[in-house]
Amino acid sequence: MAQLSVDLSGQTAIVTGAGVGLGRAVALGLARSGARLVLNDINPDKLDETLELIQSEGGQAVAFQGDISNRFQASALIERGRDAYGRLHLLVNGAAVYKADPLLSADEWDIRRQVEVNIVGAFFMTQLVARVMKDEGGGTIINLSASVGHGGSLEAGAGYVASKAAVLGLTRQSARELAPHGIRVNALCVAHLGEPDMLSIPPVNLLGQRGTPEDAVGALLFLASDAARFIVGQVLHVDGGDWLG
């Protein structure tokens, strides 16, 4: 698969949800572009796998196992990155929880968990990293959302859809408030990328096929690069045309 080539040498990127799927693909793509990685996931085994993959290719990375919906753990993750590499240049908010529960029978804990990780965790990371970036002269934040968060729905999964829609609201508002500090905020809306927990959902898109997590990496690398320096508060869809219906 062809991969966009950008040079992120000397830059440090935090990637939450880096243990599996899209988060892992993003972390590998950034490392292959020369970035130093600060990896986060709540699953220590999956996190270690991603760390080992990056290091086996000669990339630089450190790992921090923790729950970014906990403000103190989110802060500790950021300090781990600063201690290891100094300045922070990029944040990818990729951590997410998906539960396909019907609205009428959804469990309260599952709904709260999706909201806490998918939006509250993204808020904590954005706020805390932006404070650091503001003092360091700017940076880039990329939020990973989903096409159903920008219109549409699923057969089930109200907590997921609602929280992913909220991520786009966070993207717009944080872009507006942080741009004067030299911090660009954008979002990727993805769908049909072969995520293991979404395989039961038919790939109803214009291409009529599933993509892979790697299909979104090029778009993210573009948004992270200087080529996108004038792009702020935008949503880029990587979904095979799903957004168009």
Protein backbone atom coordinates (compact mmCIF):
# COMPACT_ATOMS: atom_id res chain seq x y z
CA MET A 1 0.00 0.00 0.00
CA ALA A 2 1.40 3.41 -0.97
CA GLN A 3 2.04 5.66 1.99
CA LEU A 4 2.32 9.44 2.05
CA SER A 5 5.87 10.49 2.85
CA VAL A 6 6.33 13.35 5.29
CA ASP A 7 9.30 14.28 7.46
CA LEU A 8 8.43 14.65 11.14
CA SER A 9 11.99 14.21 12.38
CA GLY A 10 12.58 15.93 15.70
CA GLN A 11 8.89 16.13 16.54
CA THR A 12 7.21 14.43 19.47
CA ALA A 13 3.71 12.98 19.17
CA ILE A 14 1.38 11.61 21.83
CA VAL A 15 -1.03 8.96 20.56
CA THR A 16 -3.79 7.73 22.85
CA GLY A 17 -5.44 4.41 22.09
CA ALA A 18 -2.20 3.25 20.45
CA GLY A 19 -2.56 -0.41 21.42
CA VAL A 20 -4.73 -1.66 18.57
CA GLY A 21 -6.33 -0.89 15.23
CA LEU A 22 -6.28 2.67 13.99
CA GLY A 23 -4.33 3.96 16.99
CA ARG A 24 -1.55 1.46 16.38
CA ALA A 25 -1.48 2.18 12.65
CA VAL A 26 -1.23 5.91 13.35
CA ALA A 27 1.60 5.40 15.82
CA LEU A 28 3.54 3.26 13.34
CA GLY A 29 2.95 5.77 10.55
CA LEU A 30 4.20 8.65 12.67
CA ALA A 31 7.26 6.69 13.78
CA ARG A 32 8.09 5.79 10.18
CA SER A 33 7.91 9.51 9.40
CA GLY A 34 10.58 10.20 12.01
CA ALA A 35 8.46 11.33 14.94
CA ARG A 36 9.27 10.34 18.52
CA LEU A 37 6.25 8.64 20.05
CA VAL A 38 4.61 8.77 23.45
CA LEU A 39 2.24 5.83 23.35
CA ASN A 40 -0.82 5.36 25.54
CA ASP A 41 -3.38 2.62 25.95
CA ILE A 42 -5.32 1.18 28.86
CA ASN A 43 -4.31 -2.37 27.86
CA PRO A 44 -0.66 -2.89 28.89
CA ASP A 45 -0.13 -5.98 26.73
CA LYS A 46 -1.36 -4.32 23.54
CA LEU A 47 0.58 -1.18 24.40
CA ASP A 48 3.80 -3.17 24.76
CA GLU A 49 3.17 -4.82 21.40
CA THR A 50 2.96 -1.44 19.69
CA LEU A 51 6.08 -0.24 21.50
CA GLU A 52 8.01 -3.32 20.41
CA LEU A 53 6.86 -2.94 16.80
CA ILE A 54 8.09 0.64 16.64
CA GLN A 55 11.39 -0.13 18.33
CA SER A 56 11.96 -3.15 16.08
CA GLU A 57 11.87 -0.78 13.10
CA GLY A 58 14.34 1.58 14.73
CA GLY A 59 11.77 4.12 15.88
CA GLN A 60 11.85 6.08 19.12
CA ALA A 61 9.00 5.56 21.55
CA VAL A 62 8.07 5.40 25.21
CA ALA A 63 4.88 3.97 26.64
CA PHE A 64 2.48 5.01 29.39
CA GLN A 65 -0.30 2.65 30.39
CA GLY A 66 -3.24 4.57 31.78
CA ASP A 67 -6.84 5.75 31.49
CA ILE A 68 -7.05 9.17 29.86
CA SER A 69 -10.58 9.67 31.22
CA ASN A 70 -8.81 10.14 34.57
CA ARG A 71 -7.42 13.68 34.61
CA PHE A 72 -4.47 12.76 36.82
CA GLN A 73 -3.45 9.90 34.57
CA ALA A 74 -3.82 12.12 31.50
CA SER A 75 -1.53 14.66 33.14
CA ALA A 76 0.98 11.96 34.04
CA LEU A 77 1.00 10.78 30.41
CA ILE A 78 1.88 14.26 29.21
CA GLU A 79 4.66 14.60 31.77
CA ARG A 80 6.02 11.22 30.67
CA GLY A 81 6.38 12.61 27.18
CA ARG A 82 7.96 15.85 28.32
CA ASP A 83 10.44 14.03 30.54
CA ALA A 84 11.43 11.74 27.69
CA TYR A 85 11.62 14.20 24.80
CA GLY A 86 11.05 17.76 25.95
CA ARG A 87 8.76 19.72 23.67
CA LEU A 88 5.44 18.25 22.48
CA HIS A 89 4.43 18.93 18.87
CA LEU A 90 1.46 16.68 18.13
CA LEU A 91 -1.44 15.06 19.98
CA VAL A 92 -3.62 12.39 18.40
CA ASN A 93 -6.75 11.73 20.45
CA GLY A 94 -7.42 8.16 19.38
CA ALA A 95 -8.60 6.35 22.51
CA ALA A 96 -12.20 5.19 22.14
CA VAL A 97 -14.73 2.72 23.48
CA TYR A 98 -17.50 1.19 21.34
CA LYS A 99 -20.45 -0.82 22.62
CA ALA A 100 -23.27 -1.85 20.28
CA ASP A 101 -26.05 -1.81 22.85
CA PRO A 102 -29.63 -1.00 21.76
CA LEU A 103 -30.86 2.26 23.22
CA LEU A 104 -33.70 0.66 25.21
CA SER A 105 -31.44 -1.85 26.95
CA ALA A 106 -28.12 0.00 27.14
CA ASP A 107 -26.37 -0.33 30.48
CA GLU A 108 -25.65 2.89 32.36
CA TRP A 109 -22.03 1.90 33.03
CA ASP A 110 -21.38 1.26 29.32
CA ILE A 111 -22.89 4.58 28.29
CA ARG A 112 -20.92 6.50 30.89
CA ARG A 113 -17.73 4.68 29.96
CA GLN A 114 -18.06 5.60 26.29
CA VAL A 115 -18.72 9.23 27.15
CA GLU A 116 -15.87 9.35 29.66
CA VAL A 117 -13.25 7.91 27.31
CA ASN A 118 -14.42 9.17 23.91
CA ILE A 119 -15.15 12.77 24.83
CA VAL A 120 -14.13 13.56 28.43
CA GLY A 121 -10.73 11.92 27.91
CA ALA A 122 -10.25 13.80 24.64
CA PHE A 123 -11.16 17.03 26.45
CA PHE A 124 -8.64 16.42 29.24
CA MET A 125 -5.87 15.61 26.78
CA THR A 126 -6.67 18.60 24.58
CA GLN A 127 -6.81 21.03 27.47
CA LEU A 128 -3.67 19.80 29.21
CA VAL A 129 -1.55 19.41 26.06
CA ALA A 130 -2.73 22.78 24.73
CA ARG A 131 -1.49 24.50 27.87
CA VAL A 132 1.95 23.04 27.20
CA MET A 133 1.85 23.82 23.47
CA LYS A 134 0.77 27.41 24.15
CA ASP A 135 3.89 27.99 26.22
CA GLU A 136 6.08 26.23 23.65
CA GLY A 137 4.94 28.20 20.62
CA GLY A 138 2.19 26.04 19.14
CA GLY A 139 1.44 22.55 17.93
CA THR A 140 -1.12 20.30 16.26
CA ILE A 141 -4.03 18.29 17.66
CA ILE A 142 -5.89 15.70 15.61
CA ASN A 143 -9.07 14.08 16.93
CA LEU A 144 -10.18 10.70 15.62
CA SER A 145 -13.95 10.60 15.25
CA ALA A 146 -16.31 8.52 13.11
CA SER A 147 -18.54 9.22 10.13
CA VAL A 148 -21.62 8.40 12.21
CA GLY A 149 -20.64 11.25 14.49
CA HIS A 150 -21.00 13.67 11.56
CA GLY A 151 -24.47 12.52 10.51
CA GLY A 152 -26.09 9.14 10.21
CA SER A 153 -26.59 6.40 12.76
CA LEU A 154 -25.90 2.76 13.57
CA GLU A 155 -28.25 -0.13 14.18
CA ALA A 156 -27.23 0.21 17.82
CA GLY A 157 -24.67 2.20 19.77
CA ALA A 158 -26.18 5.45 21.03
CA GLY A 159 -23.31 6.11 23.44
CA TYR A 160 -20.72 5.74 20.70
CA VAL A 161 -22.55 7.87 18.13
CA ALA A 162 -23.32 10.63 20.63
CA SER A 163 -19.78 10.75 21.98
CA LYS A 164 -18.23 10.79 18.51
CA ALA A 165 -20.52 13.67 17.54
CA ALA A 166 -19.31 15.46 20.66
CA VAL A 167 -15.70 14.97 19.55
CA LEU A 168 -16.47 17.04 16.46
CA GLY A 169 -17.97 19.77 18.62
CA LEU A 170 -14.82 19.72 20.73
CA THR A 171 -12.76 19.96 17.54
CA ARG A 172 -14.57 23.06 16.31
CA GLN A 173 -14.52 24.88 19.62
CA SER A 174 -10.94 24.05 20.54
CA ALA A 175 -9.83 25.03 17.01
CA ARG A 176 -11.41 28.43 17.49
CA GLU A 177 -9.93 29.03 20.93
CA LEU A 178 -6.49 27.58 20.32
CA ALA A 179 -5.67 28.93 16.85
CA PRO A 180 -4.52 32.31 18.27
CA HIS A 181 -1.89 30.36 20.23
CA GLY A 182 -0.52 28.67 17.12
CA ILE A 183 -2.29 25.37 17.80
CA ARG A 184 -4.10 23.77 14.87
CA VAL A 185 -6.97 21.41 15.69
CA ASN A 186 -8.61 19.17 13.08
CA ALA A 187 -10.44 15.84 12.99
CA LEU A 188 -10.57 12.66 10.96
CA CYS A 189 -13.92 10.91 10.55
CA VAL A 190 -13.35 7.26 9.74
CA ALA A 191 -15.53 4.27 8.92
CA HIS A 192 -15.26 0.79 7.43
CA LEU A 193 -11.57 0.41 8.23
CA GLY A 194 -11.82 -3.19 9.35
CA GLU A 195 -11.93 -2.50 13.07
CA PRO A 196 -12.43 -5.87 14.87
CA ASP A 197 -15.35 -4.60 16.95
CA MET A 198 -17.12 -3.18 13.88
CA LEU A 199 -16.87 -6.17 11.51
CA SER A 200 -20.51 -7.07 12.10
CA ILE A 201 -21.54 -3.79 10.41
CA PRO A 202 -21.86 -4.13 6.61
CA PRO A 203 -19.60 -1.76 4.63
CA VAL A 204 -22.36 0.40 3.17
CA ASN A 205 -20.31 3.03 1.39
CA LEU A 206 -19.81 4.22 -2.17
CA LEU A 207 -16.81 1.94 -2.73
CA GLY A 208 -18.67 -1.07 -1.35
CA GLN A 209 -15.63 -2.39 0.47
CA ARG A 210 -13.73 -2.20 3.72
CA GLY A 211 -10.55 -0.24 4.09
CA THR A 212 -7.81 -0.79 6.63
CA PRO A 213 -6.55 1.39 9.47
CA GLU A 214 -3.55 2.20 7.28
CA ASP A 215 -5.88 3.93 4.81
CA ALA A 216 -6.37 6.73 7.35
CA VAL A 217 -2.69 7.16 8.15
CA GLY A 218 -1.87 9.18 5.04
CA ALA A 219 -4.66 11.64 5.80
CA LEU A 220 -3.44 12.02 9.36
CA LEU A 221 0.17 12.52 8.29
CA PHE A 222 -0.99 15.25 5.94
CA LEU A 223 -2.86 17.05 8.73
CA ALA A 224 0.19 16.69 10.98
CA SER A 225 2.58 18.13 8.40
CA ASP A 226 3.47 21.67 7.41
CA ALA A 227 1.55 21.10 4.19
CA ALA A 228 -1.62 21.54 6.28
CA ARG A 229 -0.39 24.62 8.15
CA PHE A 230 -3.38 26.70 6.93
CA ILE A 231 -6.01 24.06 7.76
CA VAL A 232 -7.85 24.63 11.04
CA GLY A 233 -11.09 23.28 12.46
CA GLN A 234 -11.77 20.91 9.56
CA VAL A 235 -13.14 17.38 9.36
CA LEU A 236 -11.59 15.02 6.82
CA HIS A 237 -13.56 11.87 6.00
CA VAL A 238 -11.78 8.59 5.37
CA ASP A 239 -14.73 6.27 4.93
CA GLY A 240 -15.11 5.10 1.33
CA GLY A 241 -17.79 7.72 0.73
CA ASP A 242 -19.95 6.65 3.67
CA TRP A 243 -20.53 10.29 4.62
CA LEU A 244 -22.26 10.91 1.28
CA GLY A 245 -24.84 8.21 1.97
